[in-house]
């Protein structure tokens, strides 16, 4: 009789997820429940300037709104995050609400950290980010978590709102770094598919592929568990069906909600402790160093990493093919064709990354903690370069 594999699933401090309700209505209910009176709204610039969504939220919250801030650039540069924190500090915010894509979500969680520790200058953030030491060990600094909580209302599918890990880019060195604490997870999340109709198609679909990649690297991991495999399987099946449905009919709100739930499910294993692999590690560098949009990183790397890893986890990749309804086909081929069918970029060249940058990307990837947890061992930059060459 075989012995069971022991595992541990880490939960977060998120208490509620509102699904399918109008964002202004859900926020009014949640803010009242929390008793907050000084709400800091950190929002997407495009939603602020081109829609009435933020106005509706302000009207629903009334005099509970202390300030509204927009203008977080992609990949959440430290300077922009600290500028937002300065405004939140000035208005004595007691709750942060983010409305927008992944960079806005990331920024909001780090603003809460900055308020707790009175971080004001660029280098004040230095002691708080996750890093890899000279021996290749991942180091997660210990610190007190935020006291002011966050509510996230996402408009893309990268899934970061479900994660206590957040990212900001040190623009001085062009490196996106992670910050993590249990209480950086939002207290509540609002999944309103109607809010997402304003999201450009390329951004919706590419971040959807990012969530597909969460599921791919969970199902490909050699240290996953039954629960994580099951929920990643569900996520991949939802996204495999719903992403093409939204592409075919952008007004299909049910398909949009299925995408949002799929993105949520794809994040559960990561938050729970299943490590990602080379696609995510390389993606962090492509984003922070080469300014490649978050979702595009997975579009160009997911299939290449599957091919690289097949010798180590081919037996697990079969389940990936099954989720797409293409049993017995090579997972890398299936994923490649799926991403191509969504009209997404398929090579590093397509996203402006040229061959002369590959050695630099490979070197920086070795500094990312998930480079050390890839199913096929990555020991040196030359190993990363092997993957990059196939994606060029």
Protein backbone atom coordinates (compact mmCIF):
# COMPACT_ATOMS: atom_id res chain seq x y z
CA UNK A 1 0.00 0.00 0.00
CA UNK A 2 1.43 3.37 -1.05
CA UNK A 3 1.93 6.05 1.55
CA UNK A 4 0.28 9.45 0.94
CA UNK A 5 2.41 12.44 0.07
CA UNK A 6 2.43 14.94 2.92
CA UNK A 7 1.66 18.55 1.99
CA UNK A 8 0.68 21.89 3.50
CA UNK A 9 -1.69 24.47 2.03
CA UNK A 10 -1.14 28.03 3.22
CA UNK A 11 -4.30 30.15 3.42
CA UNK A 12 -4.53 33.96 3.21
CA UNK A 13 -6.15 36.77 5.15
CA UNK A 14 -8.82 37.37 2.48
CA UNK A 15 -12.24 37.04 4.08
CA UNK A 16 -14.78 37.68 1.31
CA UNK A 17 -15.04 37.52 -2.49
CA UNK A 18 -18.01 39.18 -4.20
CA UNK A 19 -18.80 37.52 -7.54
CA UNK A 20 -20.99 38.97 -10.27
CA UNK A 21 -22.24 42.01 -8.33
CA UNK A 22 -21.88 45.65 -9.46
CA UNK A 23 -18.63 46.96 -8.07
CA UNK A 24 -20.07 50.16 -6.56
CA UNK A 25 -22.81 48.22 -4.75
CA UNK A 26 -20.42 45.59 -3.40
CA UNK A 27 -17.89 48.19 -2.26
CA UNK A 28 -20.53 50.21 -0.42
CA UNK A 29 -21.57 47.07 1.45
CA UNK A 30 -18.00 46.03 2.29
CA UNK A 31 -16.84 49.49 3.39
CA UNK A 32 -19.86 49.80 5.67
CA UNK A 33 -19.16 46.34 7.09
CA UNK A 34 -15.57 47.35 7.88
CA UNK A 35 -16.66 50.68 9.35
CA UNK A 36 -14.11 52.66 7.32
CA UNK A 37 -14.53 56.42 7.00
CA UNK A 38 -11.29 57.48 5.21
CA UNK A 39 -11.17 55.41 2.02
CA UNK A 40 -8.22 55.91 -0.32
CA UNK A 41 -9.16 54.96 -3.89
CA UNK A 42 -6.18 53.88 -6.02
CA UNK A 43 -7.55 53.48 -9.52
CA UNK A 44 -6.73 52.87 -13.15
CA UNK A 45 -6.04 56.05 -15.11
CA UNK A 46 -8.07 54.82 -18.06
CA UNK A 47 -11.10 54.04 -15.89
CA UNK A 48 -10.77 57.43 -14.22
CA UNK A 49 -10.43 59.40 -17.43
CA UNK A 50 -12.49 57.44 -19.95
CA UNK A 51 -15.42 55.93 -18.03
CA UNK A 52 -17.86 56.84 -15.29
CA UNK A 53 -17.03 53.74 -13.21
CA UNK A 54 -14.96 55.62 -10.63
CA UNK A 55 -17.60 58.34 -10.36
CA UNK A 56 -20.17 55.64 -9.57
CA UNK A 57 -17.94 54.23 -6.85
CA UNK A 58 -17.40 57.69 -5.36
CA UNK A 59 -21.16 58.31 -5.37
CA UNK A 60 -21.83 54.97 -3.67
CA UNK A 61 -19.24 55.62 -0.95
CA UNK A 62 -20.12 59.28 -0.48
CA UNK A 63 -18.22 61.16 2.20
CA UNK A 64 -16.29 58.02 3.13
CA UNK A 65 -13.90 58.78 0.22
CA UNK A 66 -10.80 60.59 1.48
CA UNK A 67 -8.92 60.80 -1.85
CA UNK A 68 -8.71 59.34 -5.34
CA UNK A 69 -5.33 58.69 -6.97
CA UNK A 70 -4.52 57.36 -10.45
CA UNK A 71 -1.43 57.06 -12.61
CA UNK A 72 0.42 53.91 -11.46
CA UNK A 73 2.63 52.93 -14.44
CA UNK A 74 3.05 49.31 -15.57
CA UNK A 75 5.09 47.08 -13.22
CA UNK A 76 4.52 49.49 -10.30
CA UNK A 77 7.80 51.46 -10.07
CA UNK A 78 8.85 52.16 -6.49
CA UNK A 79 8.69 55.92 -6.95
CA UNK A 80 5.08 55.84 -8.16
CA UNK A 81 4.04 53.52 -5.33
CA UNK A 82 5.63 55.81 -2.74
CA UNK A 83 3.91 58.85 -4.27
CA UNK A 84 0.58 57.10 -3.82
CA UNK A 85 1.53 56.19 -0.25
CA UNK A 86 2.37 59.82 0.49
CA UNK A 87 -1.13 60.92 -0.52
CA UNK A 88 -2.74 58.12 1.47
CA UNK A 89 -0.70 59.19 4.49
CA UNK A 90 -1.65 62.86 4.04
CA UNK A 91 -5.39 62.06 4.07
CA UNK A 92 -5.11 59.66 7.03
CA UNK A 93 -6.52 56.74 5.03
CA UNK A 94 -8.01 53.88 7.03
CA UNK A 95 -8.74 51.63 4.03
CA UNK A 96 -7.24 51.25 0.55
CA UNK A 97 -9.43 50.27 -2.41
CA UNK A 98 -7.80 49.41 -5.71
CA UNK A 99 -9.73 49.42 -8.98
CA UNK A 100 -7.75 48.37 -12.04
CA UNK A 101 -5.18 45.94 -13.38
CA UNK A 102 -2.26 44.11 -11.85
CA UNK A 103 0.03 47.09 -11.36
CA UNK A 104 -2.67 49.03 -9.49
CA UNK A 105 -3.35 45.95 -7.36
CA UNK A 106 0.34 45.49 -6.58
CA UNK A 107 0.77 49.15 -5.74
CA UNK A 108 -2.17 49.18 -3.33
CA UNK A 109 -0.79 46.31 -1.27
CA UNK A 110 2.65 47.92 -1.05
CA UNK A 111 1.09 51.29 -0.14
CA UNK A 112 -0.36 49.54 2.91
CA UNK A 113 3.11 48.27 3.78
CA UNK A 114 4.62 51.74 3.28
CA UNK A 115 2.06 53.27 5.62
CA UNK A 116 2.80 50.72 8.33
CA UNK A 117 6.56 51.28 8.25
CA UNK A 118 6.58 54.97 7.22
CA UNK A 119 8.45 54.24 3.98
CA UNK A 120 8.97 57.48 2.07
CA UNK A 121 12.13 57.24 -0.04
CA UNK A 122 13.11 54.84 -2.82
CA UNK A 123 15.67 52.94 -0.77
CA UNK A 124 13.34 52.65 2.24
CA UNK A 125 11.78 49.65 0.47
CA UNK A 126 15.10 47.81 0.18
CA UNK A 127 14.93 45.78 3.42
CA UNK A 128 11.45 44.44 2.65
CA UNK A 129 11.69 42.65 -0.69
CA UNK A 130 12.24 38.94 -1.28
CA UNK A 131 15.64 38.06 -2.74
CA UNK A 132 17.93 35.17 -3.58
CA UNK A 133 21.19 35.06 -1.63
CA UNK A 134 24.62 34.06 -2.93
CA UNK A 135 23.97 30.41 -2.10
CA UNK A 136 20.77 30.35 -4.14
CA UNK A 137 18.44 30.42 -1.13
CA UNK A 138 15.23 32.44 -1.24
CA UNK A 139 15.14 34.96 1.61
CA UNK A 140 11.82 36.43 2.72
CA UNK A 141 12.43 39.27 5.17
CA UNK A 142 10.35 39.23 8.34
CA UNK A 143 8.45 42.37 9.29
CA UNK A 144 5.17 43.47 10.84
CA UNK A 145 2.26 43.38 8.44
CA UNK A 146 0.07 46.31 7.43
CA UNK A 147 -2.61 47.58 9.78
CA UNK A 148 -4.63 49.25 7.04
CA UNK A 149 -6.33 46.66 4.84
CA UNK A 150 -6.97 46.62 1.12
CA UNK A 151 -9.99 45.79 -1.06
CA UNK A 152 -9.18 44.86 -4.66
CA UNK A 153 -11.49 45.24 -7.66
CA UNK A 154 -9.53 43.74 -10.58
CA UNK A 155 -10.08 44.51 -14.26
CA UNK A 156 -7.57 42.00 -15.64
CA UNK A 157 -6.89 38.30 -15.12
CA UNK A 158 -3.37 38.14 -13.70
CA UNK A 159 -4.81 37.10 -10.32
CA UNK A 160 -2.46 39.07 -8.08
CA UNK A 161 -5.36 40.30 -5.97
CA UNK A 162 -5.58 36.84 -4.39
CA UNK A 163 -1.94 36.82 -3.37
CA UNK A 164 -0.24 38.24 -0.26
CA UNK A 165 2.80 38.63 -2.53
CA UNK A 166 3.08 41.92 -4.41
CA UNK A 167 5.58 43.27 -6.91
CA UNK A 168 7.25 46.63 -7.46
CA UNK A 169 10.08 47.56 -9.79
CA UNK A 170 13.32 49.10 -8.57
CA UNK A 171 13.66 51.46 -11.52
CA UNK A 172 17.29 52.23 -10.63
CA UNK A 173 18.33 48.71 -11.63
CA UNK A 174 15.34 47.68 -13.75
CA UNK A 175 14.44 44.73 -11.52
CA UNK A 176 10.93 43.81 -10.37
CA UNK A 177 10.97 42.50 -6.80
CA UNK A 178 8.47 40.77 -4.56
CA UNK A 179 7.12 41.87 -1.18
CA UNK A 180 5.20 39.39 0.91
CA UNK A 181 3.25 39.32 4.15
CA UNK A 182 0.14 37.43 5.20
CA UNK A 183 -1.75 40.70 5.84
CA UNK A 184 -0.88 42.14 2.43
CA UNK A 185 -3.63 39.96 0.99
CA UNK A 186 -6.79 42.04 0.57
CA UNK A 187 -9.54 41.67 3.12
CA UNK A 188 -12.08 41.46 0.28
CA UNK A 189 -12.16 41.16 -3.51
CA UNK A 190 -14.88 42.23 -5.94
CA UNK A 191 -15.20 40.29 -9.20
CA UNK A 192 -17.55 42.38 -11.34
CA UNK A 193 -17.48 41.17 -14.97
CA UNK A 194 -19.27 44.34 -16.13
CA UNK A 195 -16.32 46.42 -14.91
CA UNK A 196 -14.00 44.47 -17.20
CA UNK A 197 -15.70 45.40 -20.49
CA UNK A 198 -13.53 48.52 -20.51
CA UNK A 199 -10.33 46.44 -20.47
CA UNK A 200 -8.67 46.33 -23.90
CA UNK A 201 -8.96 42.92 -25.56
CA UNK A 202 -5.19 42.35 -25.74
CA UNK A 203 -4.86 43.05 -22.01
CA UNK A 204 -7.79 40.84 -21.00
CA UNK A 205 -6.65 37.90 -23.11
CA UNK A 206 -2.94 38.18 -22.31
CA UNK A 207 -3.50 38.35 -18.57
CA UNK A 208 -5.85 35.41 -19.04
CA UNK A 209 -2.91 33.52 -20.48
CA UNK A 210 -0.97 34.54 -17.38
CA UNK A 211 -3.56 32.72 -15.28
CA UNK A 212 -3.40 29.78 -17.68
CA UNK A 213 0.33 29.77 -16.93
CA UNK A 214 -0.33 29.63 -13.17
CA UNK A 215 -2.29 26.44 -13.79
CA UNK A 216 0.31 25.06 -16.21
CA UNK A 217 3.14 25.47 -13.74
CA UNK A 218 1.06 24.00 -10.92
CA UNK A 219 0.14 20.93 -12.95
CA UNK A 220 3.76 20.66 -14.08
CA UNK A 221 5.23 21.00 -10.60
CA UNK A 222 6.86 17.96 -9.05
CA UNK A 223 5.93 19.11 -5.54
CA UNK A 224 2.24 19.90 -6.01
CA UNK A 225 -0.54 18.07 -4.14
CA UNK A 226 -3.97 16.59 -4.84
CA UNK A 227 -5.87 19.70 -3.82
CA UNK A 228 -3.70 22.07 -5.84
CA UNK A 229 -3.75 19.80 -8.88
CA UNK A 230 -7.53 19.60 -8.71
CA UNK A 231 -8.14 23.31 -8.47
CA UNK A 232 -5.54 24.07 -11.17
CA UNK A 233 -7.29 21.52 -13.39
CA UNK A 234 -10.60 23.34 -12.86
CA UNK A 235 -8.97 26.71 -13.53
CA UNK A 236 -7.42 25.53 -16.77
CA UNK A 237 -10.69 24.06 -18.02
CA UNK A 238 -12.60 27.26 -17.23
CA UNK A 239 -10.02 29.48 -18.93
CA UNK A 240 -9.61 27.19 -21.94
CA UNK A 241 -13.31 27.59 -22.68
CA UNK A 242 -14.10 31.10 -21.45
CA UNK A 243 -11.19 33.07 -22.94
CA UNK A 244 -12.11 32.15 -26.54
CA UNK A 245 -15.77 32.84 -25.67
CA UNK A 246 -14.95 36.41 -24.59
CA UNK A 247 -12.84 36.90 -27.70
CA UNK A 248 -15.81 35.79 -29.82
CA UNK A 249 -18.31 37.93 -27.85
CA UNK A 250 -16.84 40.65 -25.63
CA UNK A 251 -20.32 41.34 -24.19
CA UNK A 252 -20.62 37.82 -22.75
CA UNK A 253 -20.55 38.69 -19.04
CA UNK A 254 -21.00 35.09 -17.95
CA UNK A 255 -17.87 34.08 -19.87
CA UNK A 256 -16.03 37.02 -18.31
CA UNK A 257 -17.03 35.88 -14.83
CA UNK A 258 -15.88 32.34 -15.63
CA UNK A 259 -12.54 33.83 -16.64
CA UNK A 260 -12.36 35.69 -13.32
CA UNK A 261 -13.16 32.58 -11.32
CA UNK A 262 -10.61 30.63 -13.36
CA UNK A 263 -7.98 33.27 -12.58
CA UNK A 264 -8.88 33.01 -8.88
CA UNK A 265 -8.60 29.24 -8.91
CA UNK A 266 -5.27 29.40 -10.73
CA UNK A 267 -3.83 31.49 -7.89
CA UNK A 268 -4.86 29.21 -5.03
CA UNK A 269 -1.97 26.74 -5.46
CA UNK A 270 0.60 29.55 -5.69
CA UNK A 271 -0.71 31.22 -2.56
CA UNK A 272 -0.94 27.82 -0.91
CA UNK A 273 2.76 27.19 -1.43
CA UNK A 274 3.15 25.37 -4.76
CA UNK A 275 6.24 26.93 -6.37
CA UNK A 276 6.14 28.16 -9.94
CA UNK A 277 8.91 27.56 -12.44
CA UNK A 278 10.93 29.10 -15.23
CA UNK A 279 8.05 30.74 -17.09
CA UNK A 280 7.20 32.90 -14.11
CA UNK A 281 10.84 33.53 -13.19
CA UNK A 282 11.72 34.69 -16.70
CA UNK A 283 8.46 36.64 -16.88
CA UNK A 284 9.41 38.72 -13.85
CA UNK A 285 12.58 39.81 -15.64
CA UNK A 286 10.91 40.43 -18.99
CA UNK A 287 8.46 42.70 -17.22
CA UNK A 288 10.70 44.63 -14.86
CA UNK A 289 13.79 44.79 -17.08
CA UNK A 290 12.43 44.78 -20.64
CA UNK A 291 9.05 46.43 -19.96
CA UNK A 292 7.10 43.56 -21.52
CA UNK A 293 3.43 43.65 -20.43
CA UNK A 294 2.71 41.17 -17.65
CA UNK A 295 0.44 38.88 -19.65
CA UNK A 296 2.63 38.88 -22.73
CA UNK A 297 5.44 37.34 -20.67
CA UNK A 298 3.45 34.12 -20.34
CA UNK A 299 2.26 34.30 -23.94
CA UNK A 300 5.83 34.04 -25.20
CA UNK A 301 7.33 31.79 -22.51
CA UNK A 302 4.71 29.22 -21.43
CA UNK A 303 5.06 26.80 -24.34
CA UNK A 304 8.85 27.17 -24.48
CA UNK A 305 9.15 26.25 -20.80
CA UNK A 306 6.81 23.28 -21.23
CA UNK A 307 9.12 21.95 -23.96
CA UNK A 308 12.21 22.51 -21.82
CA UNK A 309 10.63 20.71 -18.87
CA UNK A 310 9.10 17.77 -20.73
CA UNK A 311 12.01 15.45 -19.97
CA UNK A 312 11.45 16.06 -16.24
CA UNK A 313 7.65 16.26 -15.96
CA UNK A 314 6.19 14.83 -19.15
CA UNK A 315 4.04 12.45 -17.12
CA UNK A 316 2.38 15.45 -15.43
CA UNK A 317 2.03 17.46 -18.62
CA UNK A 318 -0.46 14.88 -19.94
CA UNK A 319 -3.10 16.30 -17.59
CA UNK A 320 -2.59 19.72 -19.18
CA UNK A 321 -3.51 18.32 -22.60
CA UNK A 322 -6.59 16.65 -21.08
CA UNK A 323 -7.82 19.99 -19.72
CA UNK A 324 -7.90 21.34 -23.27
CA UNK A 325 -9.76 18.24 -24.46
CA UNK A 326 -6.76 17.11 -26.51
CA UNK A 327 -5.63 13.96 -24.73
CA UNK A 328 -2.49 12.29 -26.12
CA UNK A 329 -1.24 15.49 -27.79
CA UNK A 330 1.96 17.21 -26.67
CA UNK A 331 1.09 19.84 -24.06
CA UNK A 332 3.50 22.43 -25.46
CA UNK A 333 1.87 22.14 -28.89
CA UNK A 334 -1.62 22.42 -27.41
CA UNK A 335 -0.73 25.51 -25.38
CA UNK A 336 1.13 27.07 -28.31
CA UNK A 337 -1.91 26.69 -30.58
CA UNK A 338 -4.29 27.95 -27.89
CA UNK A 339 -2.32 31.16 -27.33
CA UNK A 340 -1.94 31.66 -31.07
CA UNK A 341 -5.70 31.23 -31.48
CA UNK A 342 -6.27 34.10 -29.05
CA UNK A 343 -4.14 36.32 -31.30
CA UNK A 344 -1.41 36.81 -28.73
CA UNK A 345 2.32 37.29 -29.46
CA UNK A 346 4.27 34.05 -29.64
CA UNK A 347 7.94 35.03 -29.54
CA UNK A 348 10.32 37.31 -27.70
CA UNK A 349 10.84 39.17 -30.93
CA UNK A 350 7.10 39.86 -31.11
CA UNK A 351 7.32 41.77 -27.81
CA UNK A 352 10.48 43.69 -28.68
CA UNK A 353 13.07 41.54 -26.92
CA UNK A 354 16.13 41.15 -29.12
CA UNK A 355 18.92 38.58 -28.97
CA UNK A 356 21.44 41.01 -27.51
CA UNK A 357 19.35 41.20 -24.31
CA UNK A 358 19.14 37.47 -23.66
CA UNK A 359 22.31 37.07 -21.59
CA UNK A 360 21.22 39.91 -19.30
CA UNK A 361 17.76 38.34 -18.91
CA UNK A 362 19.34 34.97 -18.14
CA UNK A 363 21.60 36.47 -15.47
CA UNK A 364 18.73 38.29 -13.76
CA UNK A 365 16.48 35.24 -13.93
CA UNK A 366 18.93 33.40 -11.68
CA UNK A 367 18.14 36.03 -9.02
CA UNK A 368 14.45 35.11 -9.08
CA UNK A 369 13.31 32.62 -6.44
CA UNK A 370 11.18 30.60 -8.88
CA UNK A 371 14.15 29.87 -11.12
CA UNK A 372 15.26 27.54 -8.32
CA UNK A 373 11.99 25.59 -8.25
CA UNK A 374 11.61 24.71 -11.91
CA UNK A 375 10.82 20.98 -12.46
CA UNK A 376 13.94 20.59 -14.61
CA UNK A 377 16.90 21.88 -12.65
CA UNK A 378 18.25 25.28 -13.64
CA UNK A 379 21.75 25.76 -12.29
CA UNK A 380 23.24 28.57 -14.35
CA UNK A 381 22.34 31.36 -16.78
CA UNK A 382 23.20 29.11 -19.72
CA UNK A 383 20.23 26.91 -18.77
CA UNK A 384 17.91 29.91 -18.91
CA UNK A 385 19.48 30.98 -22.17
CA UNK A 386 18.55 27.60 -23.64
CA UNK A 387 14.89 28.35 -22.98
CA UNK A 388 15.14 31.91 -24.25
CA UNK A 389 16.74 30.81 -27.52
CA UNK A 390 13.75 28.57 -28.30
CA UNK A 391 11.38 31.50 -27.66
CA UNK A 392 13.26 33.99 -29.79
